[in-house]
Protein backbone atom coordinates (compact mmCIF):
# COMPACT_ATOMS: atom_id res chain seq x y z
CA UNK A 1 -50.16 -10.99 8.03
CA UNK A 2 -50.74 -12.44 11.24
CA UNK A 3 -47.23 -12.45 12.16
CA UNK A 4 -46.56 -9.21 10.98
CA UNK A 5 -49.24 -8.02 13.50
CA UNK A 6 -48.16 -10.16 16.18
CA UNK A 7 -44.42 -9.02 15.76
CA UNK A 8 -45.60 -5.13 15.75
CA UNK A 9 -46.57 -5.93 19.38
CA UNK A 10 -42.73 -6.28 19.95
CA UNK A 11 -41.97 -3.00 18.55
CA UNK A 12 -39.41 -0.64 20.66
CA UNK A 13 -40.89 2.67 20.00
CA UNK A 14 -40.89 4.58 22.87
CA UNK A 15 -40.52 8.34 21.08
CA UNK A 16 -42.87 7.89 18.19
CA UNK A 17 -45.34 5.40 19.88
CA UNK A 18 -45.92 4.30 16.16
CA UNK A 19 -45.64 0.37 16.04
CA UNK A 20 -44.82 -1.55 13.13
CA UNK A 21 -44.38 -5.15 12.25
CA UNK A 22 -43.52 -6.99 9.44
CA UNK A 23 -42.89 -10.41 7.73
CA UNK A 24 -41.02 -11.54 4.89
CA UNK A 25 -42.00 -14.65 2.82
CA UNK A 26 -39.40 -16.00 1.30
CA UNK A 27 -39.00 -18.07 -2.29
CA UNK A 28 -38.61 -21.46 -0.18
CA UNK A 29 -41.60 -20.69 1.90
CA UNK A 30 -39.69 -19.77 4.90
CA UNK A 31 -40.88 -16.46 6.64
CA UNK A 32 -38.84 -13.73 8.66
CA UNK A 33 -40.58 -11.30 10.99
CA UNK A 34 -39.22 -7.79 12.11
CA UNK A 35 -40.44 -4.90 14.37
CA UNK A 36 -39.20 -1.12 14.55
CA UNK A 37 -36.75 -0.60 17.04
CA UNK A 38 -36.26 3.10 17.73
CA UNK A 39 -33.09 4.47 19.34
CA UNK A 40 -32.56 7.91 21.29
CA UNK A 41 -30.22 8.81 18.39
CA UNK A 42 -33.36 8.78 15.92
CA UNK A 43 -31.05 8.31 13.08
CA UNK A 44 -30.11 4.82 14.39
CA UNK A 45 -33.52 3.58 14.47
CA UNK A 46 -34.75 0.73 12.22
CA UNK A 47 -37.78 0.04 10.48
CA UNK A 48 -39.61 -3.56 10.83
CA UNK A 49 -39.17 -4.10 7.19
CA UNK A 50 -35.71 -3.78 7.18
CA UNK A 51 -35.20 -5.84 10.27
CA UNK A 52 -37.15 -8.62 8.56
CA UNK A 53 -34.93 -8.86 5.55
CA UNK A 54 -31.90 -8.26 7.34
CA UNK A 55 -33.03 -11.36 9.45
CA UNK A 56 -33.66 -13.14 6.19
CA UNK A 57 -30.60 -12.36 4.71
CA UNK A 58 -28.32 -13.30 7.89
CA UNK A 59 -30.11 -16.78 7.70
CA UNK A 60 -28.81 -17.18 3.80
CA UNK A 61 -32.34 -16.04 2.09
CA UNK A 62 -32.23 -13.66 -0.36
CA UNK A 63 -34.91 -14.50 -3.13
CA UNK A 64 -38.29 -12.99 -1.73
CA UNK A 65 -41.93 -13.35 -2.89
CA UNK A 66 -43.86 -10.98 -0.55
CA UNK A 67 -43.88 -8.74 2.58
CA UNK A 68 -46.45 -7.92 4.92
CA UNK A 69 -46.60 -4.45 6.75
CA UNK A 70 -48.74 -3.93 9.70
CA UNK A 71 -48.82 -0.77 11.81
CA UNK A 72 -51.15 1.58 14.08
CA UNK A 73 -53.21 3.36 11.58
CA UNK A 74 -56.41 2.20 11.95
CA UNK A 75 -58.31 4.16 9.13
CA UNK A 76 -55.71 3.96 6.47
CA UNK A 77 -53.74 1.48 4.38
CA UNK A 78 -49.99 2.52 4.55
CA UNK A 79 -47.07 1.52 2.76
CA UNK A 80 -43.39 1.51 3.79
CA UNK A 81 -41.39 4.72 4.07
CA UNK A 82 -39.07 5.82 1.15
CA UNK A 83 -35.80 4.46 2.78
CA UNK A 84 -37.41 0.66 3.23
CA UNK A 85 -38.79 0.97 -0.55
CA UNK A 86 -35.06 1.43 -1.45
CA UNK A 87 -34.11 -1.18 0.64
CA UNK A 88 -36.60 -3.93 -0.62
CA UNK A 89 -35.50 -2.72 -3.98
CA UNK A 90 -32.30 -4.20 -3.60
CA UNK A 91 -33.51 -7.54 -3.42
CA UNK A 92 -36.17 -7.09 -6.57
CA UNK A 93 -38.83 -5.04 -7.72
CA UNK A 94 -41.52 -7.92 -8.29
CA UNK A 95 -42.66 -8.39 -4.54
CA UNK A 96 -46.26 -8.54 -3.58
CA UNK A 97 -47.19 -5.99 -0.64
CA UNK A 98 -49.33 -6.30 1.71
CA UNK A 99 -50.68 -3.55 3.88
CA UNK A 100 -52.38 -4.66 7.01
CA UNK A 101 -54.68 -2.71 9.57
CA UNK A 102 -54.50 -3.58 13.30
CA UNK A 103 -58.11 -5.10 12.84
CA UNK A 104 -56.47 -7.32 10.35
CA UNK A 105 -58.10 -6.24 7.31
CA UNK A 106 -55.45 -5.90 4.42
CA UNK A 107 -55.03 -4.61 1.00
CA UNK A 108 -52.77 -6.45 -1.30
CA UNK A 109 -50.77 -4.14 -3.93
CA UNK A 110 -47.37 -4.75 -6.25
CA UNK A 111 -44.28 -3.19 -4.78
CA UNK A 112 -42.77 -1.84 -7.99
CA UNK A 113 -45.24 1.28 -8.60
CA UNK A 114 -44.25 2.59 -4.95
CA UNK A 115 -40.58 3.36 -6.20
CA UNK A 116 -40.73 4.73 -9.92
CA UNK A 117 -37.14 4.56 -11.66
CA UNK A 118 -35.60 2.66 -8.81
CA UNK A 119 -32.20 2.68 -8.32
CA UNK A 120 -31.26 -0.82 -8.03
CA UNK A 121 -28.35 -3.32 -8.46
CA UNK A 122 -29.19 -3.40 -12.39
CA UNK A 123 -28.33 0.37 -12.43
CA UNK A 124 -24.84 -0.12 -11.32
CA UNK A 125 -24.39 -2.13 -14.40
CA UNK A 126 -25.55 0.20 -16.77
CA UNK A 127 -22.93 2.26 -19.14
CA UNK A 128 -21.55 5.27 -17.37
CA UNK A 129 -19.63 8.04 -18.93
């Protein structure tokens, strides 16, 4: 959670001014961080959660236990956007998610309820018409 909060400080968000930091915990104990990186072509922007996961995958890690997400919202706990939820689901539904406020208060939730009826790699193995 502390690494997610610290990484949030590195966010490149000149358009939204909304900083997000994330940290993923791998099964082997490794931790990878990421922050949001915006682009003038908004669709090319990248959320902190996806940056952290991509860094982990690029280093050979694909088995994850938890993800921490810290954003600038002080009054409420906020979970990842829909695109990040789908991206997380690619690597499994059995994650713990830690939602962290700027004051370092946090809430632990299970990831699976955030994406009901998820489309996952297993969906591609189902019998098709």
